[in-house]
Amino acid sequence: MKKIILIAGLLALQFCFVGCSSAGGESSLQPEQEREEEYTADSRIEDVINDPIFGDYGRLIFPVDTGYYSGDTLGELRLTWYNNIDPGNTVDVVNYLKSHAQAGETVFYDIYAEEEKAADPAKEDTGLFFFKGNPGEKFAVCNAGGGFAYVGAMQDSFPHALELSRKGYNAFALIYRPGAQTACEDLARAISFIFEHAEELEVDTDCYSLWGGSAGGRMAAWLGSYGPAAFGGDNLPRPGAVIMQYTGLSEYTQNDPPTFACVGENDGIANWRTMQRRLDGMKALGIETEFQHYEGLRHGFGIGTGTIAEGWVDDAVSFWERQM
């Protein structure tokens, strides 16, 4: 009898260990896709580009012309003409894209048909990354700079789009062809695509906003001044607001949308006084404007994480909301 009791006790104890192990290690029972590790600052850039979850568009997450970036890992990423790159933002962006792609959501849209890309192979390197907000909410298109030589999206549009989506807005980051004219044509096409597919995308097209830094700021401003049709897009309304960073554009029109602008005072590419003069001229025409400049900050600070400009996105969103 004692022997039977002892065996039963050992079996019960073994059952307890198995049960406790299952309860404390649930990840071992989760589906394979849920157990895939997230990217970290030590993840290799080439592994992100070649991740099967992204398919062919993985190559567009970083500049297609590799001469404009350096670094082997996400934490080491450097982009030509950009400063204050925060590895945490880079990691957040790629993990957002991966997790939503794994969930079966569409995070990338082509803006040109296959026959158009066949006729102009440069259009292969274009498209919209989608950072979805609340269904039925307004949308923004974010345009990275890069001197019209490349698209610095990982610093100048992806983080902005992610921030906007976290605030509930539907945000797109455009990958466009280098060159001022082609870039504006791609932005006009992107806006037309969003309007055409608004129901599918679940976006409100009223009072949309255009965001951009450096060259991307010029794109946003030009589309704001002249509208999508002027660059080959559909006959659509101009944006309800333009949000632009660090670009020394001087031209404007009396029909320009309300404009928010910001720049660092130590920007060696875009002089902050040039930007201020432009907004002062627009304000004199009755156009609502807001201008912020930050002491000691250089060119290309993105969303400003860890800098004196941190929080500027909140101010820009408030400005946009006042136009709604």
Foldseek 3Di string as FASTA:
>chain_A
DVVVVVVVVVVVVVVVVVVVVCVVCVLVVDDPVVNDDAFDQAAFLVCQLPPVLCPNCSCLVAWVPCVQWDDGGLNGIDGPQADQQDSVLLSVLSRQVNVCSSVVDDQKDQLDDPVVCVVPVLSVNKTKGKLAFAQQEAEEEWFEDDPLPIGHCSFGPSSLQNVVRVVRHIYIYIGFHRDLLRRLLRVLSVLQVCVVCVVVSRHDHPQYEYEYEASSLVSRQVCQAPNSVVSPHDPDDRHQEYEYEQYLDQDHDLRGHEYEYEYECAEPHHHLVSVVVNVVVNVVSVHHYHYYYHYPDYGHNGCVVPHPNNPVSVVVVVVSVVSD
